Amino acid sequence: MLTFVSFRRISLSLFSGFIVTLATIIVADRLVSSAADHRHTAVLSEVPHHEVAVVLGCAEYLRNGRLNLFFQYRVNAAAELYHAGKCDLFIVSGDHGRKEYNEPAAMRKALVKRGVPNEIIVSDFAGFRTLDSVVRAKEVFSCQKFIVVSQEFHNERAIFIGQNRGTAITGYNAKDVPKRYTWKTIVREKLARTRTALDLFITQTEPKFTGPRETMPKPL
């Protein structure tokens, strides 16, 4: 039978766990934001030239069949970089863990449609997570510095990972999706930042796949 004393102890334990979890989420969020401060921008003219830009993947279409605005705005931003002469090569990094699901192929097709030459696009099919995309850009594709293309919140996390893995990253922020469509994404991002901090500082997590180094094409 649960006594009052036992109930109180359980309640205090649960409350303490909640406080610790909440504090961890807040600290991780602040760490990511502060680390990326002044290292990303939505202003094209402020982006310095880099040979390589890495476009972070997501689904092209939502489950309801509608075009994913996160995807559309990212490939738009990437094409802007190329046409402004801010980068010479692209790595499209995303999930291709299932035969029928291929984020890099969708990004490549969308970029070519926007006037980016197919020859300067390299596909990273093992970008299952942001950590995988950032670390593989360095370890597999030999990119010590590059532009990362995604929404601001995502770029901040990529820059944070890069700083802790010895990679210099400049973020070009794609257009934000209206918040009425993104509350789930905002919640997921807070949790993703916490997981990223644990990956980097506690578990020393590595990408799911590394593999041999790959040679980047020559700029046109």
N, C-alpha and C. Protein backbone atom coordinates (compact mmCIF):
# COMPACT_ATOMS: atom_id res chain seq x y z
N MET A 1 0.85 -1.20 0.00
CA MET A 1 0.00 0.00 0.00
C MET A 1 0.88 1.25 0.00
N LEU A 2 0.52 2.19 -0.83
CA LEU A 2 1.30 3.42 -0.94
C LEU A 2 1.01 4.34 0.23
N THR A 3 2.03 4.60 1.03
CA THR A 3 1.87 5.49 2.18
C THR A 3 2.08 6.93 1.74
N PHE A 4 1.72 7.84 2.62
CA PHE A 4 1.91 9.27 2.33
C PHE A 4 3.38 9.59 2.14
N VAL A 5 4.23 8.99 2.97
CA VAL A 5 5.67 9.24 2.89
C VAL A 5 6.21 8.75 1.54
N SER A 6 5.79 7.54 1.13
CA SER A 6 6.23 7.00 -0.16
C SER A 6 5.76 7.87 -1.31
N PHE A 7 4.50 8.29 -1.24
CA PHE A 7 3.94 9.14 -2.28
C PHE A 7 4.71 10.45 -2.39
N ARG A 8 5.07 10.99 -1.22
CA ARG A 8 5.82 12.25 -1.22
C ARG A 8 7.20 12.08 -1.84
N ARG A 9 7.86 10.97 -1.50
CA ARG A 9 9.19 10.71 -2.07
C ARG A 9 9.12 10.56 -3.58
N ILE A 10 8.13 9.82 -4.06
CA ILE A 10 7.96 9.64 -5.51
C ILE A 10 7.69 10.97 -6.20
N SER A 11 6.83 11.77 -5.58
CA SER A 11 6.49 13.07 -6.15
C SER A 11 7.71 13.98 -6.22
N LEU A 12 8.52 13.97 -5.15
CA LEU A 12 9.74 14.79 -5.13
C LEU A 12 10.74 14.32 -6.18
N SER A 13 10.83 13.00 -6.36
CA SER A 13 11.75 12.44 -7.36
C SER A 13 11.31 12.85 -8.76
N LEU A 14 10.02 12.75 -9.02
CA LEU A 14 9.49 13.13 -10.33
C LEU A 14 9.68 14.62 -10.60
N PHE A 15 9.44 15.42 -9.56
CA PHE A 15 9.60 16.87 -9.71
C PHE A 15 11.06 17.22 -9.94
N SER A 16 11.95 16.57 -9.20
CA SER A 16 13.39 16.83 -9.37
C SER A 16 13.84 16.43 -10.77
N GLY A 17 13.33 15.29 -11.25
CA GLY A 17 13.67 14.86 -12.60
C GLY A 17 13.19 15.83 -13.64
N PHE A 18 11.98 16.37 -13.44
CA PHE A 18 11.44 17.35 -14.37
C PHE A 18 12.30 18.61 -14.39
N ILE A 19 12.71 19.08 -13.21
CA ILE A 19 13.53 20.29 -13.12
C ILE A 19 14.88 20.09 -13.81
N VAL A 20 15.50 18.94 -13.57
CA VAL A 20 16.80 18.65 -14.19
C VAL A 20 16.65 18.59 -15.71
N THR A 21 15.60 17.93 -16.19
CA THR A 21 15.37 17.82 -17.63
C THR A 21 15.14 19.19 -18.24
N LEU A 22 14.30 19.99 -17.61
CA LEU A 22 14.01 21.32 -18.11
C LEU A 22 15.27 22.18 -18.14
N ALA A 23 16.07 22.10 -17.08
CA ALA A 23 17.31 22.88 -17.03
C ALA A 23 18.28 22.45 -18.12
N THR A 24 18.35 21.15 -18.38
CA THR A 24 19.23 20.63 -19.43
C THR A 24 18.81 21.15 -20.79
N ILE A 25 17.51 21.16 -21.06
CA ILE A 25 16.99 21.65 -22.33
C ILE A 25 17.32 23.13 -22.50
N ILE A 26 17.13 23.91 -21.45
CA ILE A 26 17.39 25.35 -21.51
C ILE A 26 18.87 25.63 -21.74
N VAL A 27 19.73 24.93 -20.99
CA VAL A 27 21.18 25.13 -21.13
C VAL A 27 21.65 24.74 -22.52
N ALA A 28 21.17 23.60 -23.04
CA ALA A 28 21.57 23.16 -24.38
C ALA A 28 21.12 24.16 -25.43
N ASP A 29 19.93 24.69 -25.28
CA ASP A 29 19.41 25.67 -26.23
C ASP A 29 20.28 26.93 -26.24
N ARG A 30 20.66 27.40 -25.05
CA ARG A 30 21.50 28.60 -24.95
C ARG A 30 22.90 28.33 -25.50
N LEU A 31 23.43 27.16 -25.24
CA LEU A 31 24.76 26.81 -25.74
C LEU A 31 24.81 26.87 -27.26
N VAL A 32 23.81 26.28 -27.89
CA VAL A 32 23.76 26.24 -29.35
C VAL A 32 23.63 27.65 -29.92
N SER A 33 22.71 28.43 -29.39
CA SER A 33 22.48 29.78 -29.91
C SER A 33 23.71 30.67 -29.73
N SER A 34 24.34 30.60 -28.57
CA SER A 34 25.49 31.47 -28.31
C SER A 34 26.69 31.06 -29.15
N ALA A 35 26.87 29.76 -29.36
CA ALA A 35 28.00 29.29 -30.17
C ALA A 35 27.88 29.74 -31.62
N ALA A 36 26.65 29.85 -32.10
CA ALA A 36 26.43 30.21 -33.51
C ALA A 36 26.26 31.71 -33.72
N ASP A 37 26.31 32.48 -32.66
CA ASP A 37 26.08 33.92 -32.77
C ASP A 37 27.05 34.57 -33.75
N HIS A 38 26.49 35.38 -34.66
CA HIS A 38 27.26 36.11 -35.67
C HIS A 38 27.92 35.20 -36.72
N ARG A 39 27.51 33.95 -36.78
CA ARG A 39 28.09 33.04 -37.75
C ARG A 39 27.07 32.59 -38.79
N HIS A 40 25.91 33.22 -38.81
CA HIS A 40 24.90 32.91 -39.81
C HIS A 40 24.15 34.19 -40.17
N THR A 41 23.56 34.20 -41.34
CA THR A 41 22.88 35.41 -41.81
C THR A 41 21.83 35.04 -42.85
N ALA A 42 20.83 35.89 -42.97
CA ALA A 42 19.83 35.74 -44.03
C ALA A 42 20.07 36.74 -45.15
N VAL A 43 21.14 37.53 -45.02
CA VAL A 43 21.46 38.55 -46.02
C VAL A 43 22.52 37.99 -46.97
N LEU A 44 22.17 37.83 -48.21
CA LEU A 44 23.05 37.17 -49.18
C LEU A 44 24.38 37.89 -49.33
N SER A 45 24.36 39.20 -49.34
CA SER A 45 25.59 39.97 -49.54
C SER A 45 26.58 39.80 -48.39
N GLU A 46 26.10 39.35 -47.23
CA GLU A 46 26.98 39.18 -46.07
C GLU A 46 27.66 37.81 -46.04
N VAL A 47 27.29 36.93 -46.95
CA VAL A 47 27.86 35.58 -46.96
C VAL A 47 29.19 35.61 -47.70
N PRO A 48 30.29 35.22 -47.06
CA PRO A 48 31.58 35.16 -47.76
C PRO A 48 31.61 33.98 -48.72
N HIS A 49 32.44 34.10 -49.74
CA HIS A 49 32.55 33.00 -50.70
C HIS A 49 33.23 31.79 -50.06
N HIS A 50 32.63 30.62 -50.30
CA HIS A 50 33.23 29.34 -49.93
C HIS A 50 33.14 28.43 -51.16
N GLU A 51 34.07 27.53 -51.26
CA GLU A 51 34.00 26.62 -52.40
C GLU A 51 32.78 25.71 -52.31
N VAL A 52 32.44 25.28 -51.09
CA VAL A 52 31.38 24.29 -50.91
C VAL A 52 30.25 24.83 -50.04
N ALA A 53 29.02 24.49 -50.43
CA ALA A 53 27.85 24.73 -49.59
C ALA A 53 27.16 23.39 -49.35
N VAL A 54 26.80 23.13 -48.11
CA VAL A 54 26.10 21.90 -47.75
C VAL A 54 24.64 22.23 -47.49
N VAL A 55 23.75 21.59 -48.23
CA VAL A 55 22.31 21.81 -48.07
C VAL A 55 21.77 20.65 -47.23
N LEU A 56 21.17 20.98 -46.09
CA LEU A 56 20.66 19.96 -45.18
C LEU A 56 19.27 19.50 -45.61
N GLY A 57 19.07 18.21 -45.60
CA GLY A 57 17.87 17.63 -46.18
C GLY A 57 16.66 17.59 -45.28
N CYS A 58 15.52 17.46 -45.93
CA CYS A 58 14.24 17.18 -45.29
C CYS A 58 13.32 16.64 -46.38
N ALA A 59 12.15 16.19 -46.01
CA ALA A 59 11.22 15.63 -46.98
C ALA A 59 10.73 16.72 -47.93
N GLU A 60 10.60 16.37 -49.20
CA GLU A 60 10.09 17.34 -50.17
C GLU A 60 8.60 17.58 -49.99
N TYR A 61 7.89 16.54 -49.59
CA TYR A 61 6.44 16.65 -49.42
C TYR A 61 6.04 16.21 -48.01
N LEU A 62 4.99 16.82 -47.49
CA LEU A 62 4.44 16.45 -46.20
C LEU A 62 3.56 15.21 -46.34
N ARG A 63 3.16 14.64 -45.22
CA ARG A 63 2.33 13.44 -45.27
C ARG A 63 0.99 13.68 -45.93
N ASN A 64 0.52 14.92 -45.89
CA ASN A 64 -0.75 15.24 -46.54
C ASN A 64 -0.60 15.51 -48.04
N GLY A 65 0.63 15.36 -48.55
CA GLY A 65 0.87 15.54 -49.98
C GLY A 65 1.26 16.94 -50.39
N ARG A 66 1.21 17.87 -49.47
CA ARG A 66 1.59 19.25 -49.79
C ARG A 66 3.10 19.41 -49.82
N LEU A 67 3.55 20.37 -50.63
CA LEU A 67 4.98 20.67 -50.70
C LEU A 67 5.46 21.17 -49.34
N ASN A 68 6.58 20.65 -48.89
CA ASN A 68 7.17 21.06 -47.62
C ASN A 68 7.89 22.40 -47.82
N LEU A 69 7.42 23.44 -47.14
CA LEU A 69 8.02 24.76 -47.31
C LEU A 69 9.46 24.81 -46.81
N PHE A 70 9.79 24.01 -45.81
CA PHE A 70 11.18 23.95 -45.36
C PHE A 70 12.08 23.52 -46.52
N PHE A 71 11.66 22.52 -47.25
CA PHE A 71 12.42 22.03 -48.40
C PHE A 71 12.50 23.11 -49.48
N GLN A 72 11.36 23.67 -49.84
CA GLN A 72 11.33 24.66 -50.92
C GLN A 72 12.22 25.86 -50.62
N TYR A 73 12.13 26.37 -49.40
CA TYR A 73 12.92 27.56 -49.04
C TYR A 73 14.42 27.24 -48.98
N ARG A 74 14.77 26.02 -48.58
CA ARG A 74 16.19 25.66 -48.52
C ARG A 74 16.80 25.59 -49.93
N VAL A 75 16.11 24.93 -50.84
CA VAL A 75 16.69 24.83 -52.19
C VAL A 75 16.68 26.19 -52.89
N ASN A 76 15.69 27.02 -52.58
CA ASN A 76 15.69 28.39 -53.11
C ASN A 76 16.92 29.15 -52.63
N ALA A 77 17.21 29.03 -51.33
CA ALA A 77 18.37 29.73 -50.76
C ALA A 77 19.67 29.21 -51.35
N ALA A 78 19.76 27.90 -51.54
CA ALA A 78 20.97 27.31 -52.12
C ALA A 78 21.19 27.82 -53.54
N ALA A 79 20.13 27.87 -54.32
CA ALA A 79 20.25 28.38 -55.69
C ALA A 79 20.67 29.85 -55.70
N GLU A 80 20.17 30.61 -54.74
CA GLU A 80 20.58 32.01 -54.62
C GLU A 80 22.08 32.12 -54.40
N LEU A 81 22.62 31.27 -53.56
CA LEU A 81 24.07 31.29 -53.31
C LEU A 81 24.85 31.06 -54.59
N TYR A 82 24.44 30.08 -55.35
CA TYR A 82 25.17 29.75 -56.58
C TYR A 82 25.10 30.90 -57.58
N HIS A 83 23.92 31.42 -57.81
CA HIS A 83 23.76 32.47 -58.81
C HIS A 83 24.40 33.79 -58.39
N ALA A 84 24.65 33.95 -57.09
CA ALA A 84 25.35 35.14 -56.60
C ALA A 84 26.86 34.92 -56.55
N GLY A 85 27.33 33.76 -56.97
CA GLY A 85 28.76 33.47 -56.96
C GLY A 85 29.33 33.24 -55.58
N LYS A 86 28.49 32.81 -54.62
CA LYS A 86 28.95 32.62 -53.25
C LYS A 86 29.53 31.23 -53.00
N CYS A 87 29.27 30.28 -53.89
CA CYS A 87 29.82 28.93 -53.75
C CYS A 87 29.99 28.31 -55.13
N ASP A 88 30.84 27.30 -55.21
CA ASP A 88 31.14 26.65 -56.48
C ASP A 88 30.62 25.22 -56.56
N LEU A 89 30.46 24.58 -55.40
CA LEU A 89 30.04 23.18 -55.35
C LEU A 89 28.99 23.00 -54.25
N PHE A 90 28.17 21.98 -54.42
CA PHE A 90 27.16 21.66 -53.40
C PHE A 90 27.29 20.22 -52.95
N ILE A 91 27.06 20.01 -51.65
CA ILE A 91 26.78 18.69 -51.12
C ILE A 91 25.34 18.72 -50.64
N VAL A 92 24.50 17.87 -51.22
CA VAL A 92 23.12 17.75 -50.74
C VAL A 92 23.09 16.54 -49.81
N SER A 93 22.88 16.80 -48.53
CA SER A 93 23.05 15.78 -47.50
C SER A 93 21.72 15.46 -46.84
N GLY A 94 21.31 14.21 -46.94
CA GLY A 94 20.04 13.84 -46.34
C GLY A 94 19.87 12.34 -46.21
N ASP A 95 18.67 11.96 -45.92
CA ASP A 95 18.32 10.57 -45.60
C ASP A 95 17.95 9.80 -46.87
N HIS A 96 18.63 8.68 -47.07
CA HIS A 96 18.24 7.73 -48.11
C HIS A 96 18.30 6.32 -47.52
N GLY A 97 17.71 6.21 -46.34
CA GLY A 97 17.75 4.93 -45.63
C GLY A 97 16.77 3.92 -46.18
N ARG A 98 15.80 4.38 -46.97
CA ARG A 98 14.85 3.48 -47.62
C ARG A 98 14.86 3.74 -49.11
N LYS A 99 14.63 2.71 -49.89
CA LYS A 99 14.69 2.81 -51.35
C LYS A 99 13.74 3.87 -51.87
N GLU A 100 12.56 3.94 -51.27
CA GLU A 100 11.52 4.85 -51.76
C GLU A 100 11.64 6.27 -51.20
N TYR A 101 12.62 6.50 -50.32
CA TYR A 101 12.77 7.82 -49.70
C TYR A 101 14.18 8.32 -49.93
N ASN A 102 14.31 9.42 -50.66
CA ASN A 102 15.63 9.87 -51.10
C ASN A 102 15.70 11.40 -51.07
N GLU A 103 16.08 11.95 -49.93
CA GLU A 103 16.18 13.40 -49.80
C GLU A 103 17.25 14.00 -50.72
N PRO A 104 18.47 13.45 -50.81
CA PRO A 104 19.48 14.05 -51.69
C PRO A 104 19.05 14.10 -53.15
N ALA A 105 18.40 13.05 -53.64
CA ALA A 105 17.96 13.03 -55.03
C ALA A 105 16.92 14.12 -55.28
N ALA A 106 16.02 14.32 -54.32
CA ALA A 106 15.00 15.36 -54.47
C ALA A 106 15.63 16.75 -54.47
N MET A 107 16.64 16.96 -53.60
CA MET A 107 17.32 18.26 -53.56
C MET A 107 18.10 18.51 -54.85
N ARG A 108 18.78 17.49 -55.34
CA ARG A 108 19.53 17.64 -56.59
C ARG A 108 18.58 18.05 -57.72
N LYS A 109 17.48 17.35 -57.85
CA LYS A 109 16.52 17.65 -58.91
C LYS A 109 15.99 19.07 -58.80
N ALA A 110 15.70 19.50 -57.56
CA ALA A 110 15.16 20.85 -57.34
C ALA A 110 16.20 21.91 -57.65
N LEU A 111 17.47 21.66 -57.32
CA LEU A 111 18.52 22.63 -57.61
C LEU A 111 18.77 22.74 -59.11
N VAL A 112 18.80 21.62 -59.80
CA VAL A 112 18.98 21.65 -61.25
C VAL A 112 17.84 22.42 -61.91
N LYS A 113 16.65 22.22 -61.41
CA LYS A 113 15.49 22.95 -61.93
C LYS A 113 15.65 24.45 -61.74
N ARG A 114 16.43 24.85 -60.74
CA ARG A 114 16.65 26.27 -60.46
C ARG A 114 17.95 26.79 -61.08
N GLY A 115 18.50 26.05 -62.00
CA GLY A 115 19.64 26.54 -62.78
C GLY A 115 21.01 26.19 -62.26
N VAL A 116 21.09 25.28 -61.26
CA VAL A 116 22.39 24.85 -60.74
C VAL A 116 22.86 23.65 -61.58
N PRO A 117 24.07 23.68 -62.12
CA PRO A 117 24.56 22.56 -62.94
C PRO A 117 24.62 21.26 -62.15
N ASN A 118 24.14 20.21 -62.75
CA ASN A 118 24.15 18.90 -62.10
C ASN A 118 25.57 18.45 -61.75
N GLU A 119 26.54 18.86 -62.56
CA GLU A 119 27.93 18.42 -62.39
C GLU A 119 28.58 18.92 -61.11
N ILE A 120 28.03 19.95 -60.51
CA ILE A 120 28.67 20.51 -59.31
C ILE A 120 27.95 20.09 -58.03
N ILE A 121 27.03 19.14 -58.15
CA ILE A 121 26.26 18.68 -57.00
C ILE A 121 26.71 17.27 -56.61
N VAL A 122 27.08 17.10 -55.36
CA VAL A 122 27.46 15.80 -54.82
C VAL A 122 26.40 15.36 -53.82
N SER A 123 26.01 14.11 -53.89
CA SER A 123 24.98 13.59 -52.99
C SER A 123 25.60 12.84 -51.82
N ASP A 124 25.19 13.21 -50.62
CA ASP A 124 25.55 12.47 -49.41
C ASP A 124 24.29 11.75 -48.94
N PHE A 125 24.22 10.46 -49.20
CA PHE A 125 23.01 9.70 -48.90
C PHE A 125 22.94 9.24 -47.45
N ALA A 126 23.96 9.53 -46.66
CA ALA A 126 24.00 9.07 -45.27
C ALA A 126 23.89 10.23 -44.28
N GLY A 127 23.25 11.32 -44.70
CA GLY A 127 23.03 12.44 -43.80
C GLY A 127 21.76 12.23 -42.99
N PHE A 128 21.75 11.19 -42.19
CA PHE A 128 20.54 10.82 -41.45
C PHE A 128 20.18 11.84 -40.36
N ARG A 129 21.21 12.45 -39.80
CA ARG A 129 21.03 13.48 -38.79
C ARG A 129 21.94 14.65 -39.13
N THR A 130 21.70 15.79 -38.51
CA THR A 130 22.55 16.95 -38.74
C THR A 130 23.99 16.65 -38.36
N LEU A 131 24.19 15.93 -37.27
CA LEU A 131 25.54 15.55 -36.87
C LEU A 131 26.22 14.74 -37.96
N ASP A 132 25.50 13.80 -38.54
CA ASP A 132 26.05 12.99 -39.63
C ASP A 132 26.46 13.87 -40.80
N SER A 133 25.59 14.80 -41.19
CA SER A 133 25.87 15.66 -42.35
C SER A 133 27.11 16.51 -42.12
N VAL A 134 27.23 17.10 -40.94
CA VAL A 134 28.35 18.00 -40.64
C VAL A 134 29.66 17.23 -40.55
N VAL A 135 29.65 16.14 -39.79
CA VAL A 135 30.89 15.37 -39.61
C VAL A 135 31.32 14.70 -40.90
N ARG A 136 30.38 14.18 -41.66
CA ARG A 136 30.72 13.54 -42.94
C ARG A 136 31.25 14.55 -43.95
N ALA A 137 30.78 15.78 -43.91
CA ALA A 137 31.31 16.80 -44.82
C ALA A 137 32.81 16.96 -44.61
N LYS A 138 33.24 16.86 -43.37
CA LYS A 138 34.66 16.97 -43.08
C LYS A 138 35.41 15.66 -43.31
N GLU A 139 34.89 14.57 -42.75
CA GLU A 139 35.63 13.31 -42.73
C GLU A 139 35.56 12.55 -44.05
N VAL A 140 34.45 12.68 -44.76
CA VAL A 140 34.28 11.93 -46.01
C VAL A 140 34.57 12.79 -47.24
N PHE A 141 34.13 14.07 -47.18
CA PHE A 141 34.27 14.94 -48.35
C PHE A 141 35.38 15.98 -48.20
N SER A 142 36.13 15.89 -47.10
CA SER A 142 37.33 16.72 -46.86
C SER A 142 37.05 18.21 -46.87
N CYS A 143 35.90 18.61 -46.36
CA CYS A 143 35.55 20.04 -46.28
C CYS A 143 35.85 20.57 -44.88
N GLN A 144 36.89 21.36 -44.76
CA GLN A 144 37.26 21.94 -43.47
C GLN A 144 36.42 23.17 -43.14
N LYS A 145 35.88 23.80 -44.16
CA LYS A 145 34.99 24.94 -43.97
C LYS A 145 33.99 24.97 -45.12
N PHE A 146 32.79 25.42 -44.82
CA PHE A 146 31.75 25.45 -45.84
C PHE A 146 30.57 26.30 -45.37
N ILE A 147 29.69 26.58 -46.30
CA ILE A 147 28.42 27.24 -46.00
C ILE A 147 27.39 26.14 -45.73
N VAL A 148 26.58 26.30 -44.71
CA VAL A 148 25.48 25.38 -44.49
C VAL A 148 24.18 26.11 -44.81
N VAL A 149 23.27 25.43 -45.47
CA VAL A 149 22.02 26.05 -45.91
C VAL A 149 20.83 25.32 -45.28
N SER A 150 20.10 26.05 -44.47
CA SER A 150 18.87 25.55 -43.87
C SER A 150 18.19 26.75 -43.19
N GLN A 151 17.14 26.48 -42.43
CA GLN A 151 16.53 27.55 -41.66
C GLN A 151 17.44 27.94 -40.49
N GLU A 152 17.24 29.12 -39.94
CA GLU A 152 18.14 29.66 -38.92
C GLU A 152 18.34 28.71 -37.75
N PHE A 153 17.25 28.18 -37.20
CA PHE A 153 17.38 27.31 -36.02
C PHE A 153 18.23 26.08 -36.33
N HIS A 154 18.10 25.58 -37.54
CA HIS A 154 18.84 24.38 -37.95
C HIS A 154 20.30 24.72 -38.21
N ASN A 155 20.54 25.86 -38.84
CA ASN A 155 21.91 26.30 -39.08
C ASN A 155 22.67 26.49 -37.78
N GLU A 156 21.99 27.04 -36.77
CA GLU A 156 22.66 27.23 -35.48
C GLU A 156 23.17 25.91 -34.92
N ARG A 157 22.37 24.88 -35.02
CA ARG A 157 22.78 23.58 -34.49
C ARG A 157 23.93 23.00 -35.32
N ALA A 158 23.87 23.16 -36.63
CA ALA A 158 24.95 22.68 -37.49
C ALA A 158 26.27 23.39 -37.18
N ILE A 159 26.20 24.70 -36.97
CA ILE A 159 27.41 25.47 -36.63
C ILE A 159 27.97 25.02 -35.29
N PHE A 160 27.10 24.79 -34.33
CA PHE A 160 27.51 24.30 -33.01
C PHE A 160 28.25 22.97 -33.13
N ILE A 161 27.71 22.07 -33.93
CA ILE A 161 28.37 20.78 -34.14
C ILE A 161 29.73 20.99 -34.80
N GLY A 162 29.76 21.84 -35.82
CA GLY A 162 31.01 22.10 -36.52
C GLY A 162 32.09 22.65 -35.60
N GLN A 163 31.72 23.57 -34.74
CA GLN A 163 32.69 24.15 -33.81
C GLN A 163 33.30 23.09 -32.91
N ASN A 164 32.50 22.13 -32.52
CA ASN A 164 32.98 21.09 -31.61
C ASN A 164 33.64 19.93 -32.34
N ARG A 165 33.60 19.93 -33.66
CA ARG A 165 34.26 18.90 -34.45
C ARG A 165 35.32 19.48 -35.39
N GLY A 166 35.74 20.72 -35.13
CA GLY A 166 36.84 21.30 -35.88
C GLY A 166 36.53 21.72 -37.29
N THR A 167 35.30 22.17 -37.52
CA THR A 167 34.90 22.62 -38.85
C THR A 167 34.37 24.05 -38.76
N ALA A 168 34.84 24.91 -39.65
CA ALA A 168 34.38 26.30 -39.68
C ALA A 168 33.19 26.41 -40.63
N ILE A 169 32.05 26.79 -40.08
CA ILE A 169 30.81 26.82 -40.86
C ILE A 169 30.19 28.20 -40.82
N THR A 170 29.77 28.67 -41.98
CA THR A 170 28.98 29.89 -42.10
C THR A 170 27.56 29.48 -42.51
N GLY A 171 26.57 29.97 -41.81
CA GLY A 171 25.20 29.61 -42.12
C GLY A 171 24.51 30.64 -43.01
N TYR A 172 23.87 30.16 -44.07
CA TYR A 172 23.00 31.03 -44.86
C TYR A 172 21.58 30.59 -44.56
N ASN A 173 20.83 31.48 -43.92
CA ASN A 173 19.51 31.13 -43.42
C ASN A 173 18.46 31.21 -44.51
N ALA A 174 17.82 30.09 -44.78
CA ALA A 174 16.69 30.08 -45.70
C ALA A 174 15.50 30.77 -45.04
N LYS A 175 14.55 31.13 -45.84
CA LYS A 175 13.34 31.79 -45.35
C LYS A 175 12.65 30.91 -44.32
N ASP A 176 12.18 31.53 -43.24
CA ASP A 176 11.47 30.79 -42.21
C ASP A 176 10.05 30.46 -42.65
N VAL A 177 9.56 29.33 -42.18
CA VAL A 177 8.18 28.94 -42.42
C VAL A 177 7.32 29.59 -41.34
N PRO A 178 6.12 30.11 -41.69
CA PRO A 178 5.26 30.74 -40.68
C PRO A 178 5.06 29.86 -39.46
N LYS A 179 5.14 30.46 -38.28
CA LYS A 179 5.13 29.70 -37.02
C LYS A 179 3.85 28.90 -36.81
N ARG A 180 2.76 29.31 -37.43
CA ARG A 180 1.53 28.54 -37.23
C ARG A 180 1.64 27.14 -37.83
N TYR A 181 2.60 26.93 -38.70
CA TYR A 181 2.82 25.61 -39.30
C TYR A 181 3.95 24.84 -38.63
N THR A 182 4.65 25.47 -37.70
CA THR A 182 5.92 24.90 -37.26
C THR A 182 6.04 24.64 -35.76
N TRP A 183 4.97 24.68 -35.00
CA TRP A 183 5.12 24.53 -33.55
C TRP A 183 5.72 23.18 -33.18
N LYS A 184 5.39 22.13 -33.95
CA LYS A 184 5.98 20.82 -33.68
C LYS A 184 7.48 20.83 -33.97
N THR A 185 7.86 21.54 -35.03
CA THR A 185 9.28 21.64 -35.37
C THR A 185 10.05 22.38 -34.29
N ILE A 186 9.45 23.42 -33.73
CA ILE A 186 10.10 24.18 -32.67
C ILE A 186 10.34 23.31 -31.45
N VAL A 187 9.36 22.51 -31.07
CA VAL A 187 9.51 21.60 -29.93
C VAL A 187 10.59 20.57 -30.22
N ARG A 188 10.55 19.99 -31.42
CA ARG A 188 11.55 18.98 -31.78
C ARG A 188 12.96 19.57 -31.76
N GLU A 189 13.08 20.83 -32.17
CA GLU A 189 14.40 21.46 -32.21
C GLU A 189 14.98 21.60 -30.81
N LYS A 190 14.15 21.95 -29.82
CA LYS A 190 14.64 22.06 -28.45
C LYS A 190 15.19 20.72 -27.97
N LEU A 191 14.48 19.65 -28.29
CA LEU A 191 14.92 18.32 -27.90
C LEU A 191 16.16 17.90 -28.69
N ALA A 192 16.20 18.29 -29.97
CA ALA A 192 17.36 17.95 -30.81
C ALA A 192 18.62 18.62 -30.29
N ARG A 193 18.50 19.84 -29.82
CA ARG A 193 19.66 20.55 -29.27
C ARG A 193 20.17 19.85 -28.01
N THR A 194 19.25 19.38 -27.20
CA THR A 194 19.65 18.66 -26.00
C THR A 194 20.38 17.37 -26.38
N ARG A 195 19.83 16.64 -27.33
CA ARG A 195 20.46 15.40 -27.77
C ARG A 195 21.84 15.68 -28.38
N THR A 196 21.94 16.76 -29.13
CA THR A 196 23.22 17.11 -29.75
C THR A 196 24.28 17.39 -28.70
N ALA A 197 23.91 18.15 -27.66
CA ALA A 197 24.87 18.44 -26.58
C ALA A 197 25.33 17.16 -25.90
N LEU A 198 24.39 16.25 -25.66
CA LEU A 198 24.75 14.97 -25.06
C LEU A 198 25.65 14.16 -25.99
N ASP A 199 25.34 14.19 -27.29
CA ASP A 199 26.15 13.47 -28.28
C ASP A 199 27.59 13.97 -28.28
N LEU A 200 27.74 15.28 -28.21
CA LEU A 200 29.08 15.87 -28.33
C LEU A 200 29.88 15.78 -27.05
N PHE A 201 29.24 15.99 -25.92
CA PHE A 201 29.98 16.11 -24.66
C PHE A 201 29.93 14.87 -23.77
N ILE A 202 28.95 14.00 -23.97
CA ILE A 202 28.81 12.84 -23.09
C ILE A 202 29.10 11.53 -23.83
N THR A 203 28.38 11.27 -24.90
CA THR A 203 28.49 9.97 -25.55
C THR A 203 29.49 9.94 -26.69
N GLN A 204 29.97 11.12 -27.13
CA GLN A 204 30.94 11.19 -28.23
C GLN A 204 30.42 10.42 -29.46
N THR A 205 29.18 10.69 -29.82
CA THR A 205 28.52 9.98 -30.92
C THR A 205 29.16 10.29 -32.26
N GLU A 206 29.28 9.27 -33.09
CA GLU A 206 29.80 9.42 -34.45
C GLU A 206 28.68 9.18 -35.45
N PRO A 207 28.87 9.59 -36.71
CA PRO A 207 27.85 9.32 -37.73
C PRO A 207 27.54 7.82 -37.85
N LYS A 208 26.37 7.52 -38.33
CA LYS A 208 25.98 6.12 -38.52
C LYS A 208 26.92 5.44 -39.51
N PHE A 209 27.29 6.16 -40.57
CA PHE A 209 28.24 5.65 -41.55
C PHE A 209 29.32 6.70 -41.80
N THR A 210 30.55 6.27 -41.91
CA THR A 210 31.62 7.18 -42.33
C THR A 210 32.11 6.77 -43.71
N GLY A 211 32.83 5.66 -43.78
CA GLY A 211 33.25 5.18 -45.09
C GLY A 211 34.48 5.87 -45.61
N PRO A 212 34.96 5.47 -46.81
CA PRO A 212 36.16 6.05 -47.40
C PRO A 212 35.93 7.49 -47.85
N ARG A 213 37.02 8.22 -47.99
CA ARG A 213 36.92 9.59 -48.48
C ARG A 213 36.45 9.60 -49.93
N GLU A 214 35.66 10.61 -50.26
CA GLU A 214 35.19 10.78 -51.63
C GLU A 214 35.77 12.06 -52.21
N THR A 215 36.04 12.05 -53.50
CA THR A 215 36.65 13.20 -54.17
C THR A 215 35.56 14.14 -54.68
N MET A 216 35.70 15.40 -54.33
CA MET A 216 34.77 16.41 -54.82
C MET A 216 35.11 16.76 -56.27
N PRO A 217 34.12 17.10 -57.08
CA PRO A 217 34.40 17.52 -58.45
C PRO A 217 35.11 18.86 -58.50
N LYS A 218 35.70 19.17 -59.63
CA LYS A 218 36.31 20.47 -59.84
C LYS A 218 35.22 21.50 -60.14
N PRO A 219 35.34 22.70 -59.58
CA PRO A 219 34.37 23.75 -59.91
C PRO A 219 34.39 24.05 -61.41
N LEU A 220 33.23 24.41 -61.93
CA LEU A 220 33.13 24.73 -63.35
C LEU A 220 33.81 26.07 -63.65
